[in-house]
PDB file of N, CA and C in Angstrom:
ATOM      1  N   MET A   1     -13.046 -22.479  -9.321  1.00  0.00           N
ATOM      2  CA  MET A   1     -13.749 -22.174  -8.090  1.00  0.00           C
ATOM      3  C   MET A   1     -14.131 -23.476  -7.392  1.00  0.00           C
ATOM      4  N   ASN A   2     -14.065 -23.402  -6.120  1.00  0.00           N
ATOM      5  CA  ASN A   2     -14.492 -24.541  -5.322  1.00  0.00           C
ATOM      6  C   ASN A   2     -15.890 -24.284  -4.779  1.00  0.00           C
ATOM      7  N   TRP A   3     -16.558 -25.345  -4.476  1.00  0.00           N
ATOM      8  CA  TRP A   3     -17.925 -25.246  -3.970  1.00  0.00           C
ATOM      9  C   TRP A   3     -18.021 -24.452  -2.669  1.00  0.00           C
ATOM     10  N   PRO A   4     -17.086 -24.560  -1.717  1.00  0.00           N
ATOM     11  CA  PRO A   4     -17.195 -23.764  -0.481  1.00  0.00           C
ATOM     12  C   PRO A   4     -17.187 -22.254  -0.746  1.00  0.00           C
ATOM     13  N   VAL A   5     -16.473 -21.834  -1.761  1.00  0.00           N
ATOM     14  CA  VAL A   5     -16.441 -20.408  -2.086  1.00  0.00           C
ATOM     15  C   VAL A   5     -17.790 -19.972  -2.643  1.00  0.00           C
ATOM     16  N   LEU A   6     -18.366 -20.768  -3.505  1.00  0.00           N
ATOM     17  CA  LEU A   6     -19.645 -20.418  -4.113  1.00  0.00           C
ATOM     18  C   LEU A   6     -20.791 -20.433  -3.105  1.00  0.00           C
ATOM     19  N   LYS A   7     -20.675 -21.248  -2.058  1.00  0.00           N
ATOM     20  CA  LYS A   7     -21.720 -21.312  -1.033  1.00  0.00           C
ATOM     21  C   LYS A   7     -21.601 -20.198   0.002  1.00  0.00           C
ATOM     22  N   ASP A   8     -20.447 -19.533   0.066  1.00  0.00           N
ATOM     23  CA  ASP A   8     -20.195 -18.526   1.097  1.00  0.00           C
ATOM     24  C   ASP A   8     -20.963 -17.241   0.791  1.00  0.00           C
ATOM     25  N   SER A   9     -21.831 -16.856   1.707  1.00  0.00           N
ATOM     26  CA  SER A   9     -22.673 -15.675   1.470  1.00  0.00           C
ATOM     27  C   SER A   9     -21.879 -14.374   1.579  1.00  0.00           C
ATOM     28  N   LYS A  10     -20.861 -14.334   2.411  1.00  0.00           N
ATOM     29  CA  LYS A  10     -20.060 -13.122   2.542  1.00  0.00           C
ATOM     30  C   LYS A  10     -19.271 -12.856   1.253  1.00  0.00           C
ATOM     31  N   TRP A  11     -18.702 -13.891   0.669  1.00  0.00           N
ATOM     32  CA  TRP A  11     -17.984 -13.758  -0.594  1.00  0.00           C
ATOM     33  C   TRP A  11     -18.936 -13.294  -1.696  1.00  0.00           C
ATOM     34  N   LEU A  12     -20.121 -13.873  -1.712  1.00  0.00           N
ATOM     35  CA  LEU A  12     -21.109 -13.494  -2.713  1.00  0.00           C
ATOM     36  C   LEU A  12     -21.521 -12.026  -2.553  1.00  0.00           C
ATOM     37  N   ALA A  13     -21.675 -11.576  -1.326  1.00  0.00           N
ATOM     38  CA  ALA A  13     -22.024 -10.173  -1.081  1.00  0.00           C
ATOM     39  C   ALA A  13     -20.909  -9.243  -1.550  1.00  0.00           C
ATOM     40  N   PHE A  14     -19.644  -9.610  -1.281  1.00  0.00           N
ATOM     41  CA  PHE A  14     -18.525  -8.805  -1.764  1.00  0.00           C
ATOM     42  C   PHE A  14     -18.549  -8.696  -3.286  1.00  0.00           C
ATOM     43  N   GLN A  15     -18.755  -9.812  -3.955  1.00  0.00           N
ATOM     44  CA  GLN A  15     -18.705  -9.808  -5.416  1.00  0.00           C
ATOM     45  C   GLN A  15     -19.870  -9.044  -6.026  1.00  0.00           C
ATOM     46  N   LEU A  16     -21.065  -9.237  -5.505  1.00  0.00           N
ATOM     47  CA  LEU A  16     -22.228  -8.531  -6.058  1.00  0.00           C
ATOM     48  C   LEU A  16     -22.131  -7.025  -5.821  1.00  0.00           C
ATOM     49  N   THR A  17     -21.696  -6.629  -4.637  1.00  0.00           N
ATOM     50  CA  THR A  17     -21.541  -5.208  -4.346  1.00  0.00           C
ATOM     51  C   THR A  17     -20.442  -4.595  -5.201  1.00  0.00           C
ATOM     52  N   SER A  18     -19.385  -5.340  -5.430  1.00  0.00           N
ATOM     53  CA  SER A  18     -18.303  -4.855  -6.274  1.00  0.00           C
ATOM     54  C   SER A  18     -18.777  -4.634  -7.707  1.00  0.00           C
ATOM     55  N   ILE A  19     -19.533  -5.565  -8.235  1.00  0.00           N
ATOM     56  CA  ILE A  19     -20.037  -5.437  -9.600  1.00  0.00           C
ATOM     57  C   ILE A  19     -21.007  -4.265  -9.711  1.00  0.00           C
ATOM     58  N   LEU A  20     -21.893  -4.134  -8.739  1.00  0.00           N
ATOM     59  CA  LEU A  20     -22.856  -3.038  -8.780  1.00  0.00           C
ATOM     60  C   LEU A  20     -22.182  -1.673  -8.648  1.00  0.00           C
ATOM     61  N   SER A  21     -21.164  -1.574  -7.817  1.00  0.00           N
ATOM     62  CA  SER A  21     -20.475  -0.293  -7.684  1.00  0.00           C
ATOM     63  C   SER A  21     -19.661   0.031  -8.933  1.00  0.00           C
ATOM     64  N   ALA A  22     -19.116  -0.967  -9.592  1.00  0.00           N
ATOM     65  CA  ALA A  22     -18.396  -0.721 -10.841  1.00  0.00           C
ATOM     66  C   ALA A  22     -19.347  -0.232 -11.927  1.00  0.00           C
ATOM     67  N   VAL A  23     -20.504  -0.855 -12.023  1.00  0.00           N
ATOM     68  CA  VAL A  23     -21.503  -0.417 -13.011  1.00  0.00           C
ATOM     69  C   VAL A  23     -21.965   1.003 -12.707  1.00  0.00           C
ATOM     70  N   THR A  24     -22.180   1.302 -11.434  1.00  0.00           N
ATOM     71  CA  THR A  24     -22.578   2.650 -11.036  1.00  0.00           C
ATOM     72  C   THR A  24     -21.485   3.653 -11.391  1.00  0.00           C
ATOM     73  N   GLY A  25     -20.236   3.291 -11.166  1.00  0.00           N
ATOM     74  CA  GLY A  25     -19.121   4.166 -11.513  1.00  0.00           C
ATOM     75  C   GLY A  25     -19.044   4.450 -12.995  1.00  0.00           C
ATOM     76  N   VAL A  26     -19.271   3.440 -13.808  1.00  0.00           N
ATOM     77  CA  VAL A  26     -19.244   3.639 -15.262  1.00  0.00           C
ATOM     78  C   VAL A  26     -20.394   4.537 -15.705  1.00  0.00           C
ATOM     79  N   ILE A  27     -21.570   4.322 -15.134  1.00  0.00           N
ATOM     80  CA  ILE A  27     -22.725   5.167 -15.481  1.00  0.00           C
ATOM     81  C   ILE A  27     -22.462   6.619 -15.084  1.00  0.00           C
ATOM     82  N   LEU A  28     -21.875   6.824 -13.908  1.00  0.00           N
ATOM     83  CA  LEU A  28     -21.551   8.186 -13.488  1.00  0.00           C
ATOM     84  C   LEU A  28     -20.473   8.808 -14.371  1.00  0.00           C
ATOM     85  N   ALA A  29     -19.508   8.017 -14.812  1.00  0.00           N
ATOM     86  CA  ALA A  29     -18.455   8.537 -15.691  1.00  0.00           C
ATOM     87  C   ALA A  29     -19.032   8.955 -17.043  1.00  0.00           C
ATOM     88  N   VAL A  30     -19.969   8.188 -17.550  1.00  0.00           N
ATOM     89  CA  VAL A  30     -20.604   8.550 -18.820  1.00  0.00           C
ATOM     90  C   VAL A  30     -21.385   9.852 -18.664  1.00  0.00           C
ATOM     91  N   GLY A  31     -21.984  10.055 -17.499  1.00  0.00           N
ATOM     92  CA  GLY A  31     -22.744  11.266 -17.224  1.00  0.00           C
ATOM     93  C   GLY A  31     -21.884  12.435 -16.769  1.00  0.00           C
ATOM     94  N   SER A  32     -20.574  12.307 -16.824  1.00  0.00           N
ATOM     95  CA  SER A  32     -19.621  13.354 -16.440  1.00  0.00           C
ATOM     96  C   SER A  32     -19.775  13.782 -14.978  1.00  0.00           C
ATOM     97  N   ASN A  33     -20.096  12.848 -14.114  1.00  0.00           N
ATOM     98  CA  ASN A  33     -20.173  13.121 -12.686  1.00  0.00           C
ATOM     99  C   ASN A  33     -18.832  12.732 -12.064  1.00  0.00           C
ATOM    100  N   SER A  34     -18.297  13.563 -11.191  1.00  0.00           N
ATOM    101  CA  SER A  34     -16.963  13.315 -10.646  1.00  0.00           C
ATOM    102  C   SER A  34     -16.937  12.258  -9.548  1.00  0.00           C
ATOM    103  N   TYR A  35     -18.081  11.777  -9.097  1.00  0.00           N
ATOM    104  CA  TYR A  35     -18.117  10.749  -8.057  1.00  0.00           C
ATOM    105  C   TYR A  35     -17.826   9.349  -8.585  1.00  0.00           C
ATOM    106  N   TRP A  36     -17.609   9.194  -9.881  1.00  0.00           N
ATOM    107  CA  TRP A  36     -17.364   7.869 -10.439  1.00  0.00           C
ATOM    108  C   TRP A  36     -16.089   7.266  -9.871  1.00  0.00           C
ATOM    109  N   VAL A  37     -15.131   8.116  -9.523  1.00  0.00           N
ATOM    110  CA  VAL A  37     -13.853   7.629  -8.990  1.00  0.00           C
ATOM    111  C   VAL A  37     -14.068   6.885  -7.672  1.00  0.00           C
ATOM    112  N   LEU A  38     -14.924   7.395  -6.826  1.00  0.00           N
ATOM    113  CA  LEU A  38     -15.188   6.744  -5.540  1.00  0.00           C
ATOM    114  C   LEU A  38     -15.788   5.352  -5.733  1.00  0.00           C
ATOM    115  N   PHE A  39     -16.713   5.237  -6.680  1.00  0.00           N
ATOM    116  CA  PHE A  39     -17.343   3.943  -6.912  1.00  0.00           C
ATOM    117  C   PHE A  39     -16.365   2.932  -7.507  1.00  0.00           C
ATOM    118  N   ILE A  40     -15.480   3.384  -8.380  1.00  0.00           N
ATOM    119  CA  ILE A  40     -14.484   2.469  -8.957  1.00  0.00           C
ATOM    120  C   ILE A  40     -13.489   2.031  -7.886  1.00  0.00           C
ATOM    121  N   LEU A  41     -13.069   2.954  -7.024  1.00  0.00           N
ATOM    122  CA  LEU A  41     -12.168   2.575  -5.932  1.00  0.00           C
ATOM    123  C   LEU A  41     -12.849   1.609  -4.960  1.00  0.00           C
ATOM    124  N   LEU A  42     -14.109   1.856  -4.648  1.00  0.00           N
ATOM    125  CA  LEU A  42     -14.864   0.951  -3.788  1.00  0.00           C
ATOM    126  C   LEU A  42     -14.949  -0.436  -4.422  1.00  0.00           C
ATOM    127  N   SER A  43     -15.166  -0.476  -5.708  1.00  0.00           N
ATOM    128  CA  SER A  43     -15.243  -1.753  -6.419  1.00  0.00           C
ATOM    129  C   SER A  43     -13.916  -2.510  -6.332  1.00  0.00           C
ATOM    130  N   MET A  44     -12.815  -1.794  -6.495  1.00  0.00           N
ATOM    131  CA  MET A  44     -11.508  -2.443  -6.425  1.00  0.00           C
ATOM    132  C   MET A  44     -11.219  -2.967  -5.017  1.00  0.00           C
ATOM    133  N   ILE A  45     -11.578  -2.202  -4.002  1.00  0.00           N
ATOM    134  CA  ILE A  45     -11.354  -2.631  -2.618  1.00  0.00           C
ATOM    135  C   ILE A  45     -12.195  -3.862  -2.293  1.00  0.00           C
ATOM    136  N   LEU A  46     -13.457  -3.852  -2.694  1.00  0.00           N
ATOM    137  CA  LEU A  46     -14.332  -4.996  -2.421  1.00  0.00           C
ATOM    138  C   LEU A  46     -13.876  -6.244  -3.179  1.00  0.00           C
ATOM    139  N   THR A  47     -13.365  -6.057  -4.385  1.00  0.00           N
ATOM    140  CA  THR A  47     -12.833  -7.193  -5.135  1.00  0.00           C
ATOM    141  C   THR A  47     -11.633  -7.795  -4.407  1.00  0.00           C
ATOM    142  N   GLY A  48     -10.786  -6.933  -3.863  1.00  0.00           N
ATOM    143  CA  GLY A  48      -9.632  -7.414  -3.098  1.00  0.00           C
ATOM    144  C   GLY A  48     -10.049  -8.194  -1.860  1.00  0.00           C
ATOM    145  N   PHE A  49     -11.052  -7.686  -1.139  1.00  0.00           N
ATOM    146  CA  PHE A  49     -11.557  -8.411   0.026  1.00  0.00           C
ATOM    147  C   PHE A  49     -12.149  -9.764  -0.384  1.00  0.00           C
ATOM    148  N   GLY A  50     -12.860  -9.784  -1.496  1.00  0.00           N
ATOM    149  CA  GLY A  50     -13.466 -11.032  -1.977  1.00  0.00           C
ATOM    150  C   GLY A  50     -12.416 -12.062  -2.372  1.00  0.00           C
ATOM    151  N   VAL A  51     -11.375 -11.611  -3.034  1.00  0.00           N
ATOM    152  CA  VAL A  51     -10.286 -12.522  -3.427  1.00  0.00           C
ATOM    153  C   VAL A  51      -9.570 -13.057  -2.193  1.00  0.00           C
ATOM    154  N   ASN A  52      -9.346 -12.193  -1.214  1.00  0.00           N
ATOM    155  CA  ASN A  52      -8.704 -12.622   0.026  1.00  0.00           C
ATOM    156  C   ASN A  52      -9.550 -13.666   0.737  1.00  0.00           C
ATOM    157  N   ARG A  53     -10.850 -13.445   0.794  1.00  0.00           N
ATOM    158  CA  ARG A  53     -11.756 -14.401   1.450  1.00  0.00           C
ATOM    159  C   ARG A  53     -11.776 -15.736   0.699  1.00  0.00           C
ATOM    160  N   ALA A  54     -11.814 -15.673  -0.623  1.00  0.00           N
ATOM    161  CA  ALA A  54     -11.833 -16.911  -1.409  1.00  0.00           C
ATOM    162  C   ALA A  54     -10.534 -17.690  -1.218  1.00  0.00           C
ATOM    163  N   THR A  55      -9.433 -16.980  -1.095  1.00  0.00           N
ATOM    164  CA  THR A  55      -8.151 -17.643  -0.856  1.00  0.00           C
ATOM    165  C   THR A  55      -8.156 -18.350   0.497  1.00  0.00           C
ATOM    166  N   LYS A  56      -8.700 -17.698   1.516  1.00  0.00           N
ATOM    167  CA  LYS A  56      -8.769 -18.318   2.838  1.00  0.00           C
ATOM    168  C   LYS A  56      -9.691 -19.536   2.846  1.00  0.00           C
ATOM    169  N   LEU A  57     -10.779 -19.484   2.083  1.00  0.00           N
ATOM    170  CA  LEU A  57     -11.720 -20.594   2.057  1.00  0.00           C
ATOM    171  C   LEU A  57     -11.183 -21.814   1.329  1.00  0.00           C
ATOM    172  N   THR A  58     -10.284 -21.610   0.379  1.00  0.00           N
ATOM    173  CA  THR A  58      -9.787 -22.741  -0.407  1.00  0.00           C
ATOM    174  C   THR A  58      -8.541 -23.370   0.178  1.00  0.00           C
ATOM    175  N   ARG A  59      -7.986 -22.790   1.216  1.00  0.00           N
ATOM    176  CA  ARG A  59      -6.783 -23.378   1.825  1.00  0.00           C
ATOM    177  C   ARG A  59      -7.114 -24.503   2.739  1.00  0.00           C
TER     178      ARG A  59
END
């Protein structure tokens, strides 16, 4: 990781939201709630946006 990526607040927001939605999805899956799929998909999409942003910042 480069320092510009770690200082970027938008990248940090993507990563934190992605982690929180993944944890929420796992908790819902353990509780047999069918909404866990939405949270896992949201987590994957946000991770993709975060990776794309980090790639743009390091170029």
